[in-house]
């Protein structure tokens, strides 16, 4: 097959990709969407990349890959791809003319004309970035808060309470992880014992020590050198005590003050249901006229403020 035919095939395959599907780069697994195709280029946009979103993949660069795959070598090592070549290989894998040998981690000419799906084609929902996941969960939580009166939780059904608990848990977990990432980045901007101000508040650089005992031999050696009696630091080892409890008739409450705390634990998340509900909200927003859409956005902002209050209290 000539390159002109391959190029036409690639453009056709790009047009066939569903709107809720994306490609990922082979090694770095960065997700990108096909925006459009032209005679000399295919336009892509990396998911979550807000800077210079649209990026061209040039026809002549695809031809270079084509020539290599048609040569005696006939394959590309995916693990050794430069970052700039990765999206080209992902798009090339859409063609039936090429196949990804996952056992060898290579892209090569296909020996079969059977149509197959690229391993780099994924549902967009599964490759969202952490900020996108938090944003989606916050939107779902805001919508749920709008439909239920959390000021009177006893009036809610058990199903509504479960949905609220799961969404609150997902938002909190995602926010905590992202806060750690943002905090690490902020350390480069804040000097020792200094403050940094933003529009919404102020942060302070703080140090906290965490101590862990060295091994027993090292500790006792230091104490012996200082003439400290070992008996002063001897105590009961809870781990060893648990072993004794397991092999004797001693009752746990005879050696421990036992306090039972009952709480709710999230055990599963219905991602498909979350995706369906979120898509419904997006479709609803897209169908509103400008004034209604603005009103809905105002409602969401108000609900986000309520969310901040709920999270701060919990």
C-alpha atoms as a PDB file:
ATOM      1  CA  UNK A   1       0.000   0.000   0.000  1.00  0.00           C
ATOM      2  CA  UNK A   2       1.340   3.435  -0.931  1.00  0.00           C
ATOM      3  CA  UNK A   3       1.718   6.187   1.626  1.00  0.00           C
ATOM      4  CA  UNK A   4      -1.098   8.154  -0.019  1.00  0.00           C
ATOM      5  CA  UNK A   5      -3.411   5.231   0.704  1.00  0.00           C
ATOM      6  CA  UNK A   6      -2.143   4.917   4.276  1.00  0.00           C
ATOM      7  CA  UNK A   7      -2.619   8.640   4.843  1.00  0.00           C
ATOM      8  CA  UNK A   8      -6.178   8.506   3.546  1.00  0.00           C
ATOM      9  CA  UNK A   9      -6.854   5.500   5.764  1.00  0.00           C
ATOM     10  CA  UNK A  10      -5.458   7.265   8.835  1.00  0.00           C
ATOM     11  CA  UNK A  11      -7.598  10.334   8.219  1.00  0.00           C
ATOM     12  CA  UNK A  12     -10.685   8.157   7.810  1.00  0.00           C
ATOM     13  CA  UNK A  13      -9.929   6.293  11.040  1.00  0.00           C
ATOM     14  CA  UNK A  14      -9.447   9.568  12.890  1.00  0.00           C
ATOM     15  CA  UNK A  15     -12.849  10.738  11.695  1.00  0.00           C
ATOM     16  CA  UNK A  16     -14.421   7.496  12.960  1.00  0.00           C
ATOM     17  CA  UNK A  17     -13.214   7.917  16.553  1.00  0.00           C
ATOM     18  CA  UNK A  18     -16.152   8.443  18.912  1.00  0.00           C
ATOM     19  CA  UNK A  19     -16.396  11.811  20.636  1.00  0.00           C
ATOM     20  CA  UNK A  20     -15.960  10.194  24.064  1.00  0.00           C
ATOM     21  CA  UNK A  21     -12.779   8.319  23.073  1.00  0.00           C
ATOM     22  CA  UNK A  22      -9.179   9.499  23.026  1.00  0.00           C
ATOM     23  CA  UNK A  23      -5.756   8.171  22.132  1.00  0.00           C
ATOM     24  CA  UNK A  24      -2.907   7.828  24.613  1.00  0.00           C
ATOM     25  CA  UNK A  25       0.787   8.074  23.868  1.00  0.00           C
ATOM     26  CA  UNK A  26       2.523   4.661  24.070  1.00  0.00           C
ATOM     27  CA  UNK A  27       5.036   5.272  26.861  1.00  0.00           C
ATOM     28  CA  UNK A  28       4.011   8.404  28.744  1.00  0.00           C
ATOM     29  CA  UNK A  29       0.283   7.597  28.359  1.00  0.00           C
ATOM     30  CA  UNK A  30      -0.686  11.224  27.806  1.00  0.00           C
ATOM     31  CA  UNK A  31      -4.230  11.360  26.483  1.00  0.00           C
ATOM     32  CA  UNK A  32      -5.074  13.406  23.413  1.00  0.00           C
ATOM     33  CA  UNK A  33      -8.144  13.908  21.253  1.00  0.00           C
ATOM     34  CA  UNK A  34      -8.351  14.173  17.480  1.00  0.00           C
ATOM     35  CA  UNK A  35      -9.677  17.650  16.698  1.00  0.00           C
ATOM     36  CA  UNK A  36      -9.634  17.591  12.891  1.00  0.00           C
ATOM     37  CA  UNK A  37      -7.769  16.241   9.870  1.00  0.00           C
ATOM     38  CA  UNK A  38      -6.468  18.101   6.817  1.00  0.00           C
ATOM     39  CA  UNK A  39      -4.543  17.322   3.670  1.00  0.00           C
ATOM     40  CA  UNK A  40      -1.188  18.066   5.306  1.00  0.00           C
ATOM     41  CA  UNK A  41      -1.800  17.500   9.017  1.00  0.00           C
ATOM     42  CA  UNK A  42      -3.937  16.011  11.774  1.00  0.00           C
ATOM     43  CA  UNK A  43      -4.812  18.379  14.612  1.00  0.00           C
ATOM     44  CA  UNK A  44      -4.790  16.946  18.139  1.00  0.00           C
ATOM     45  CA  UNK A  45      -5.304  18.384  21.618  1.00  0.00           C
ATOM     46  CA  UNK A  46      -3.818  16.905  24.771  1.00  0.00           C
ATOM     47  CA  UNK A  47      -6.436  16.304  27.437  1.00  0.00           C
ATOM     48  CA  UNK A  48      -6.117  18.816  30.255  1.00  0.00           C
ATOM     49  CA  UNK A  49      -3.562  20.931  28.387  1.00  0.00           C
ATOM     50  CA  UNK A  50      -4.865  24.504  28.463  1.00  0.00           C
ATOM     51  CA  UNK A  51      -1.776  26.065  26.929  1.00  0.00           C
ATOM     52  CA  UNK A  52      -1.593  26.061  23.150  1.00  0.00           C
ATOM     53  CA  UNK A  53      -4.196  23.312  23.089  1.00  0.00           C
ATOM     54  CA  UNK A  54      -4.235  22.419  19.403  1.00  0.00           C
ATOM     55  CA  UNK A  55      -1.110  20.774  18.019  1.00  0.00           C
ATOM     56  CA  UNK A  56      -0.460  19.582  14.471  1.00  0.00           C
ATOM     57  CA  UNK A  57       0.845  16.136  13.531  1.00  0.00           C
ATOM     58  CA  UNK A  58       2.333  16.669  10.096  1.00  0.00           C
ATOM     59  CA  UNK A  59       1.769  14.438   7.087  1.00  0.00           C
ATOM     60  CA  UNK A  60       5.437  14.422   6.107  1.00  0.00           C
ATOM     61  CA  UNK A  61       6.390  13.104   9.564  1.00  0.00           C
ATOM     62  CA  UNK A  62       3.924  10.249   9.169  1.00  0.00           C
ATOM     63  CA  UNK A  63       5.611   9.512   5.843  1.00  0.00           C
ATOM     64  CA  UNK A  64       8.981   9.199   7.596  1.00  0.00           C
ATOM     65  CA  UNK A  65       7.480   6.560   9.900  1.00  0.00           C
ATOM     66  CA  UNK A  66       5.853   4.865   6.924  1.00  0.00           C
ATOM     67  CA  UNK A  67       9.196   4.620   5.109  1.00  0.00           C
ATOM     68  CA  UNK A  68      10.832   3.121   8.190  1.00  0.00           C
ATOM     69  CA  UNK A  69       8.089   0.542   8.680  1.00  0.00           C
ATOM     70  CA  UNK A  70       8.281  -0.387   5.000  1.00  0.00           C
ATOM     71  CA  UNK A  71      12.058  -0.837   5.174  1.00  0.00           C
ATOM     72  CA  UNK A  72      13.883  -4.054   5.993  1.00  0.00           C
ATOM     73  CA  UNK A  73      13.805  -3.161   9.696  1.00  0.00           C
ATOM     74  CA  UNK A  74      10.033  -3.017   9.530  1.00  0.00           C
ATOM     75  CA  UNK A  75       9.344  -2.153  13.170  1.00  0.00           C
ATOM     76  CA  UNK A  76       9.617   0.577  15.796  1.00  0.00           C
ATOM     77  CA  UNK A  77      10.536   0.020  19.429  1.00  0.00           C
ATOM     78  CA  UNK A  78       7.795   1.720  21.435  1.00  0.00           C
ATOM     79  CA  UNK A  79       9.868   1.913  24.613  1.00  0.00           C
ATOM     80  CA  UNK A  80      12.571   3.956  22.859  1.00  0.00           C
ATOM     81  CA  UNK A  81      10.314   6.517  21.168  1.00  0.00           C
ATOM     82  CA  UNK A  82      11.160  10.212  21.620  1.00  0.00           C
ATOM     83  CA  UNK A  83       8.293  12.104  23.264  1.00  0.00           C
ATOM     84  CA  UNK A  84       7.520  14.030  20.079  1.00  0.00           C
ATOM     85  CA  UNK A  85       7.096  10.817  18.068  1.00  0.00           C
ATOM     86  CA  UNK A  86       4.714   9.103  20.494  1.00  0.00           C
ATOM     87  CA  UNK A  87       1.450  10.674  19.225  1.00  0.00           C
ATOM     88  CA  UNK A  88       2.399   9.800  15.631  1.00  0.00           C
ATOM     89  CA  UNK A  89       2.757   6.140  16.575  1.00  0.00           C
ATOM     90  CA  UNK A  90      -0.575   6.198  18.419  1.00  0.00           C
ATOM     91  CA  UNK A  91      -2.311   7.498  15.300  1.00  0.00           C
ATOM     92  CA  UNK A  92      -0.434   5.055  13.035  1.00  0.00           C
ATOM     93  CA  UNK A  93      -1.733   2.188  15.173  1.00  0.00           C
ATOM     94  CA  UNK A  94      -5.276   3.010  14.015  1.00  0.00           C
ATOM     95  CA  UNK A  95      -4.501   1.625  10.561  1.00  0.00           C
ATOM     96  CA  UNK A  96      -5.027  -2.050   9.748  1.00  0.00           C
ATOM     97  CA  UNK A  97      -1.703  -1.932   7.926  1.00  0.00           C
ATOM     98  CA  UNK A  98       0.136  -1.896  11.248  1.00  0.00           C
ATOM     99  CA  UNK A  99      -0.106  -3.808  14.485  1.00  0.00           C
ATOM    100  CA  UNK A 100       1.225  -3.311  17.981  1.00  0.00           C
ATOM    101  CA  UNK A 101       3.082  -6.356  19.239  1.00  0.00           C
ATOM    102  CA  UNK A 102       2.573  -5.897  22.972  1.00  0.00           C
ATOM    103  CA  UNK A 103       4.828  -8.829  23.844  1.00  0.00           C
ATOM    104  CA  UNK A 104       7.727  -7.273  21.931  1.00  0.00           C
ATOM    105  CA  UNK A 105       6.607  -3.671  22.605  1.00  0.00           C
ATOM    106  CA  UNK A 106       6.900  -2.747  18.935  1.00  0.00           C
ATOM    107  CA  UNK A 107       4.861  -1.286  16.089  1.00  0.00           C
ATOM    108  CA  UNK A 108       5.270  -3.192  12.824  1.00  0.00           C
ATOM    109  CA  UNK A 109       3.560  -4.027   9.560  1.00  0.00           C
ATOM    110  CA  UNK A 110       0.569  -6.279   9.981  1.00  0.00           C
ATOM    111  CA  UNK A 111       0.521  -9.704   8.364  1.00  0.00           C
ATOM    112  CA  UNK A 112      -3.272  -9.743   8.438  1.00  0.00           C
ATOM    113  CA  UNK A 113      -5.853  -7.453   6.862  1.00  0.00           C
ATOM    114  CA  UNK A 114      -8.292  -8.118   9.692  1.00  0.00           C
ATOM    115  CA  UNK A 115      -9.569  -4.954  11.300  1.00  0.00           C
ATOM    116  CA  UNK A 116      -8.480  -4.477  14.916  1.00  0.00           C
ATOM    117  CA  UNK A 117      -8.712  -1.765  17.529  1.00  0.00           C
ATOM    118  CA  UNK A 118      -5.640   0.167  18.560  1.00  0.00           C
ATOM    119  CA  UNK A 119      -4.455  -0.562  22.126  1.00  0.00           C
ATOM    120  CA  UNK A 120      -3.894   3.182  22.461  1.00  0.00           C
ATOM    121  CA  UNK A 121      -7.580   4.010  21.938  1.00  0.00           C
ATOM    122  CA  UNK A 122      -9.317   4.514  25.283  1.00  0.00           C
ATOM    123  CA  UNK A 123     -12.589   5.885  26.684  1.00  0.00           C
ATOM    124  CA  UNK A 124     -11.875   9.468  27.753  1.00  0.00           C
ATOM    125  CA  UNK A 125     -13.495   8.808  31.135  1.00  0.00           C
ATOM    126  CA  UNK A 126     -10.746   6.339  32.048  1.00  0.00           C
ATOM    127  CA  UNK A 127      -7.805   8.650  31.300  1.00  0.00           C
ATOM    128  CA  UNK A 128      -8.887  11.814  33.090  1.00  0.00           C
ATOM    129  CA  UNK A 129      -6.190  13.726  34.950  1.00  0.00           C
ATOM    130  CA  UNK A 130      -6.489  14.151  38.754  1.00  0.00           C
ATOM    131  CA  UNK A 131      -7.722  17.771  38.416  1.00  0.00           C
ATOM    132  CA  UNK A 132     -10.347  16.640  35.908  1.00  0.00           C
ATOM    133  CA  UNK A 133     -11.528  13.881  38.238  1.00  0.00           C
ATOM    134  CA  UNK A 134     -11.927  16.350  41.101  1.00  0.00           C
ATOM    135  CA  UNK A 135     -13.753  18.821  38.860  1.00  0.00           C
ATOM    136  CA  UNK A 136     -16.168  16.155  37.645  1.00  0.00           C
ATOM    137  CA  UNK A 137     -16.809  14.900  41.176  1.00  0.00           C
ATOM    138  CA  UNK A 138     -17.411  18.457  42.420  1.00  0.00           C
ATOM    139  CA  UNK A 139     -19.942  19.059  39.632  1.00  0.00           C
ATOM    140  CA  UNK A 140     -21.744  15.824  40.524  1.00  0.00           C
ATOM    141  CA  UNK A 141     -21.685  16.723  44.208  1.00  0.00           C
ATOM    142  CA  UNK A 142     -22.988  20.226  43.502  1.00  0.00           C
ATOM    143  CA  UNK A 143     -25.867  18.779  41.492  1.00  0.00           C
ATOM    144  CA  UNK A 144     -26.653  16.272  44.248  1.00  0.00           C
ATOM    145  CA  UNK A 145     -26.582  18.999  46.903  1.00  0.00           C
ATOM    146  CA  UNK A 146     -28.950  21.045  44.782  1.00  0.00           C
ATOM    147  CA  UNK A 147     -31.459  18.194  44.654  1.00  0.00           C
ATOM    148  CA  UNK A 148     -31.294  17.268  48.337  1.00  0.00           C
ATOM    149  CA  UNK A 149     -31.606  19.281  51.535  1.00  0.00           C
ATOM    150  CA  UNK A 150     -28.492  18.445  53.524  1.00  0.00           C
ATOM    151  CA  UNK A 151     -29.608  20.807  56.286  1.00  0.00           C
ATOM    152  CA  UNK A 152     -31.979  18.007  57.310  1.00  0.00           C
ATOM    153  CA  UNK A 153     -30.112  14.743  56.562  1.00  0.00           C
ATOM    154  CA  UNK A 154     -32.673  12.689  58.496  1.00  0.00           C
ATOM    155  CA  UNK A 155     -35.238  13.522  55.818  1.00  0.00           C
ATOM    156  CA  UNK A 156     -33.131  11.981  53.040  1.00  0.00           C
ATOM    157  CA  UNK A 157     -33.463   8.433  51.783  1.00  0.00           C
ATOM    158  CA  UNK A 158     -30.684   5.947  52.467  1.00  0.00           C
ATOM    159  CA  UNK A 159     -29.799   5.925  48.749  1.00  0.00           C
ATOM    160  CA  UNK A 160     -29.420   9.715  48.689  1.00  0.00           C
ATOM    161  CA  UNK A 161     -27.232   9.597  51.797  1.00  0.00           C
ATOM    162  CA  UNK A 162     -25.034   6.913  50.223  1.00  0.00           C
ATOM    163  CA  UNK A 163     -24.620   9.001  47.058  1.00  0.00           C
ATOM    164  CA  UNK A 164     -23.692  12.072  49.082  1.00  0.00           C
ATOM    165  CA  UNK A 165     -21.228  10.150  51.244  1.00  0.00           C
ATOM    166  CA  UNK A 166     -19.503   8.542  48.253  1.00  0.00           C
ATOM    167  CA  UNK A 167     -19.199  11.842  46.379  1.00  0.00           C
ATOM    168  CA  UNK A 168     -17.953  13.687  49.468  1.00  0.00           C
ATOM    169  CA  UNK A 169     -15.390  10.946  50.005  1.00  0.00           C
ATOM    170  CA  UNK A 170     -14.218  11.062  46.380  1.00  0.00           C
ATOM    171  CA  UNK A 171     -13.919  14.858  46.417  1.00  0.00           C
ATOM    172  CA  UNK A 172     -12.044  14.870  49.715  1.00  0.00           C
ATOM    173  CA  UNK A 173      -9.600  12.146  48.646  1.00  0.00           C
ATOM    174  CA  UNK A 174      -8.904  13.774  45.299  1.00  0.00           C
ATOM    175  CA  UNK A 175      -8.550  17.228  46.855  1.00  0.00           C
ATOM    176  CA  UNK A 176      -6.138  15.947  49.515  1.00  0.00           C
ATOM    177  CA  UNK A 177      -3.898  14.390  46.867  1.00  0.00           C
ATOM    178  CA  UNK A 178      -3.970  17.488  44.694  1.00  0.00           C
ATOM    179  CA  UNK A 179      -3.383  19.723  47.726  1.00  0.00           C
ATOM    180  CA  UNK A 180      -0.204  17.722  48.447  1.00  0.00           C
ATOM    181  CA  UNK A 181       0.955  18.265  44.854  1.00  0.00           C
ATOM    182  CA  UNK A 182       0.208  21.990  45.006  1.00  0.00           C
ATOM    183  CA  UNK A 183       1.853  22.265  48.422  1.00  0.00           C
ATOM    184  CA  UNK A 184       5.061  20.676  47.160  1.00  0.00           C
ATOM    185  CA  UNK A 185       5.144  23.188  44.298  1.00  0.00           C
ATOM    186  CA  UNK A 186       4.531  26.097  46.694  1.00  0.00           C
ATOM    187  CA  UNK A 187       7.593  25.230  48.787  1.00  0.00           C
ATOM    188  CA  UNK A 188       9.767  26.615  45.992  1.00  0.00           C
ATOM    189  CA  UNK A 189       8.154  30.044  46.442  1.00  0.00           C
ATOM    190  CA  UNK A 190       8.078  30.332  50.235  1.00  0.00           C
ATOM    191  CA  UNK A 191      11.172  30.971  52.317  1.00  0.00           C
ATOM    192  CA  UNK A 192      11.721  29.677  55.877  1.00  0.00           C
ATOM    193  CA  UNK A 193       9.021  30.898  58.282  1.00  0.00           C
ATOM    194  CA  UNK A 194       7.548  33.062  55.503  1.00  0.00           C
ATOM    195  CA  UNK A 195       4.041  33.759  54.212  1.00  0.00           C
ATOM    196  CA  UNK A 196       2.695  33.863  50.678  1.00  0.00           C
ATOM    197  CA  UNK A 197      -0.533  35.662  49.817  1.00  0.00           C
ATOM    198  CA  UNK A 198      -3.097  34.848  47.134  1.00  0.00           C
ATOM    199  CA  UNK A 199      -6.543  36.115  46.221  1.00  0.00           C
ATOM    200  CA  UNK A 200      -8.301  33.618  48.472  1.00  0.00           C
ATOM    201  CA  UNK A 201      -5.972  33.463  51.433  1.00  0.00           C
ATOM    202  CA  UNK A 202      -2.467  33.089  52.827  1.00  0.00           C
ATOM    203  CA  UNK A 203      -0.147  30.119  53.312  1.00  0.00           C
ATOM    204  CA  UNK A 204       2.813  29.760  55.649  1.00  0.00           C
ATOM    205  CA  UNK A 205       5.905  27.587  55.427  1.00  0.00           C
ATOM    206  CA  UNK A 206       5.940  25.299  58.450  1.00  0.00           C
ATOM    207  CA  UNK A 207       8.301  22.506  59.510  1.00  0.00           C
ATOM    208  CA  UNK A 208       7.216  19.476  61.501  1.00  0.00           C
ATOM    209  CA  UNK A 209       9.445  16.716  62.835  1.00  0.00           C
ATOM    210  CA  UNK A 210       8.466  13.071  62.864  1.00  0.00           C
ATOM    211  CA  UNK A 211      10.511  10.752  65.061  1.00  0.00           C
ATOM    212  CA  UNK A 212      11.138   7.061  64.571  1.00  0.00           C
ATOM    213  CA  UNK A 213      13.185   5.023  67.023  1.00  0.00           C
ATOM    214  CA  UNK A 214      16.444   3.596  65.822  1.00  0.00           C
ATOM    215  CA  UNK A 215      16.934  -0.123  66.331  1.00  0.00           C
ATOM    216  CA  UNK A 216      17.058  -1.313  69.946  1.00  0.00           C
ATOM    217  CA  UNK A 217      20.775  -2.136  69.919  1.00  0.00           C
ATOM    218  CA  UNK A 218      21.746   1.380  68.847  1.00  0.00           C
ATOM    219  CA  UNK A 219      19.472   3.038  71.423  1.00  0.00           C
ATOM    220  CA  UNK A 220      20.693   0.878  74.319  1.00  0.00           C
ATOM    221  CA  UNK A 221      24.303   1.490  73.324  1.00  0.00           C
ATOM    222  CA  UNK A 222      23.813   5.258  73.595  1.00  0.00           C
ATOM    223  CA  UNK A 223      22.080   4.894  76.967  1.00  0.00           C
ATOM    224  CA  UNK A 224      24.887   2.667  78.270  1.00  0.00           C
ATOM    225  CA  UNK A 225      27.481   5.256  77.254  1.00  0.00           C
ATOM    226  CA  UNK A 226      25.605   7.915  79.236  1.00  0.00           C
ATOM    227  CA  UNK A 227      25.132   5.634  82.241  1.00  0.00           C
ATOM    228  CA  UNK A 228      21.339   5.568  81.912  1.00  0.00           C
ATOM    229  CA  UNK A 229      19.820   2.382  83.395  1.00  0.00           C
ATOM    230  CA  UNK A 230      18.099   0.348  80.730  1.00  0.00           C
ATOM    231  CA  UNK A 231      15.151  -0.232  83.064  1.00  0.00           C
ATOM    232  CA  UNK A 232      14.207   3.434  82.656  1.00  0.00           C
ATOM    233  CA  UNK A 233      13.168   2.890  79.042  1.00  0.00           C
ATOM    234  CA  UNK A 234      11.900  -0.643  79.153  1.00  0.00           C
ATOM    235  CA  UNK A 235       8.174  -0.983  78.515  1.00  0.00           C
ATOM    236  CA  UNK A 236       5.513  -3.231  77.075  1.00  0.00           C
ATOM    237  CA  UNK A 237       5.669  -3.879  73.333  1.00  0.00           C
ATOM    238  CA  UNK A 238       2.076  -3.920  71.971  1.00  0.00           C
ATOM    239  CA  UNK A 239       3.034  -6.213  69.091  1.00  0.00           C
ATOM    240  CA  UNK A 240       4.541  -8.795  71.439  1.00  0.00           C
ATOM    241  CA  UNK A 241       1.555  -8.430  73.758  1.00  0.00           C
ATOM    242  CA  UNK A 242      -0.825  -9.204  70.872  1.00  0.00           C
ATOM    243  CA  UNK A 243       1.077 -12.425  70.224  1.00  0.00           C
ATOM    244  CA  UNK A 244       0.629 -13.389  73.880  1.00  0.00           C
ATOM    245  CA  UNK A 245      -3.107 -12.671  73.663  1.00  0.00           C
ATOM    246  CA  UNK A 246      -3.374 -14.862  70.582  1.00  0.00           C
ATOM    247  CA  UNK A 247      -1.826 -17.917  72.252  1.00  0.00           C
ATOM    248  CA  UNK A 248      -3.226 -17.599  75.793  1.00  0.00           C
ATOM    249  CA  UNK A 249      -6.618 -17.234  77.475  1.00  0.00           C
ATOM    250  CA  UNK A 250      -5.940 -13.658  78.581  1.00  0.00           C
ATOM    251  CA  UNK A 251      -8.872 -11.415  77.697  1.00  0.00           C
ATOM    252  CA  UNK A 252      -8.101  -8.387  75.539  1.00  0.00           C
ATOM    253  CA  UNK A 253      -9.970  -6.083  77.911  1.00  0.00           C
ATOM    254  CA  UNK A 254      -7.754  -7.188  80.807  1.00  0.00           C
ATOM    255  CA  UNK A 255      -4.727  -5.485  79.252  1.00  0.00           C
ATOM    256  CA  UNK A 256      -6.264  -2.865  76.913  1.00  0.00           C
ATOM    257  CA  UNK A 257      -8.769  -0.082  77.355  1.00  0.00           C
ATOM    258  CA  UNK A 258     -10.987  -0.955  74.392  1.00  0.00           C
ATOM    259  CA  UNK A 259     -13.129   1.745  72.771  1.00  0.00           C
ATOM    260  CA  UNK A 260     -15.211   0.832  69.748  1.00  0.00           C
ATOM    261  CA  UNK A 261     -15.842   3.510  67.128  1.00  0.00           C
ATOM    262  CA  UNK A 262     -18.591   2.865  64.588  1.00  0.00           C
ATOM    263  CA  UNK A 263     -18.259   4.639  61.238  1.00  0.00           C
ATOM    264  CA  UNK A 264     -19.242   4.339  57.584  1.00  0.00           C
ATOM    265  CA  UNK A 265     -16.682   3.118  55.056  1.00  0.00           C
ATOM    266  CA  UNK A 266     -16.983   3.493  51.300  1.00  0.00           C
ATOM    267  CA  UNK A 267     -16.453   0.097  49.663  1.00  0.00           C
ATOM    268  CA  UNK A 268     -17.168   0.748  45.976  1.00  0.00           C
ATOM    269  CA  UNK A 269     -17.822   3.475  43.412  1.00  0.00           C
ATOM    270  CA  UNK A 270     -20.192   3.162  40.447  1.00  0.00           C
ATOM    271  CA  UNK A 271     -18.020   4.931  37.874  1.00  0.00           C
ATOM    272  CA  UNK A 272     -20.394   4.160  34.985  1.00  0.00           C
ATOM    273  CA  UNK A 273     -23.308   5.773  36.823  1.00  0.00           C
ATOM    274  CA  UNK A 274     -21.190   8.820  37.657  1.00  0.00           C
ATOM    275  CA  UNK A 275     -20.167   9.130  34.020  1.00  0.00           C
ATOM    276  CA  UNK A 276     -23.777   8.867  32.848  1.00  0.00           C
ATOM    277  CA  UNK A 277     -24.988  11.485  35.317  1.00  0.00           C
ATOM    278  CA  UNK A 278     -22.145  13.857  34.463  1.00  0.00           C
ATOM    279  CA  UNK A 279     -22.807  13.522  30.738  1.00  0.00           C
ATOM    280  CA  UNK A 280     -26.454  14.317  31.390  1.00  0.00           C
ATOM    281  CA  UNK A 281     -25.453  17.507  33.178  1.00  0.00           C
ATOM    282  CA  UNK A 282     -23.146  18.500  30.329  1.00  0.00           C
ATOM    283  CA  UNK A 283     -25.882  17.856  27.769  1.00  0.00           C
ATOM    284  CA  UNK A 284     -28.310  19.876  29.856  1.00  0.00           C
ATOM    285  CA  UNK A 285     -25.901  22.800  30.080  1.00  0.00           C
ATOM    286  CA  UNK A 286     -25.198  22.673  26.350  1.00  0.00           C
ATOM    287  CA  UNK A 287     -28.926  22.801  25.608  1.00  0.00           C
ATOM    288  CA  UNK A 288     -29.601  25.928  27.651  1.00  0.00           C
ATOM    289  CA  UNK A 289     -29.663  29.399  26.152  1.00  0.00           C
ATOM    290  CA  UNK A 290     -27.098  31.933  27.304  1.00  0.00           C
ATOM    291  CA  UNK A 291     -29.171  33.438  30.123  1.00  0.00           C
ATOM    292  CA  UNK A 292     -30.219  30.059  31.522  1.00  0.00           C
ATOM    293  CA  UNK A 293     -26.674  28.747  31.297  1.00  0.00           C
ATOM    294  CA  UNK A 294     -25.405  31.746  33.232  1.00  0.00           C
ATOM    295  CA  UNK A 295     -28.045  31.160  35.912  1.00  0.00           C
ATOM    296  CA  UNK A 296     -26.990  27.517  36.192  1.00  0.00           C
ATOM    297  CA  UNK A 297     -23.342  28.505  36.527  1.00  0.00           C
ATOM    298  CA  UNK A 298     -24.308  30.924  39.305  1.00  0.00           C
ATOM    299  CA  UNK A 299     -26.161  28.086  41.027  1.00  0.00           C
ATOM    300  CA  UNK A 300     -23.103  25.847  40.743  1.00  0.00           C
ATOM    301  CA  UNK A 301     -20.869  28.553  42.227  1.00  0.00           C
ATOM    302  CA  UNK A 302     -23.287  28.919  45.144  1.00  0.00           C
ATOM    303  CA  UNK A 303     -23.300  25.154  45.650  1.00  0.00           C
ATOM    304  CA  UNK A 304     -19.507  25.058  45.544  1.00  0.00           C
ATOM    305  CA  UNK A 305     -19.476  27.543  48.427  1.00  0.00           C
ATOM    306  CA  UNK A 306     -21.833  25.239  50.342  1.00  0.00           C
ATOM    307  CA  UNK A 307     -19.501  22.363  49.508  1.00  0.00           C
ATOM    308  CA  UNK A 308     -16.531  24.218  50.994  1.00  0.00           C
ATOM    309  CA  UNK A 309     -18.537  24.685  54.190  1.00  0.00           C
ATOM    310  CA  UNK A 310     -19.463  20.984  54.337  1.00  0.00           C
ATOM    311  CA  UNK A 311     -15.858  19.838  53.771  1.00  0.00           C
ATOM    312  CA  UNK A 312     -14.516  22.277  56.348  1.00  0.00           C
ATOM    313  CA  UNK A 313     -16.987  20.973  58.904  1.00  0.00           C
ATOM    314  CA  UNK A 314     -16.198  17.302  58.128  1.00  0.00           C
END
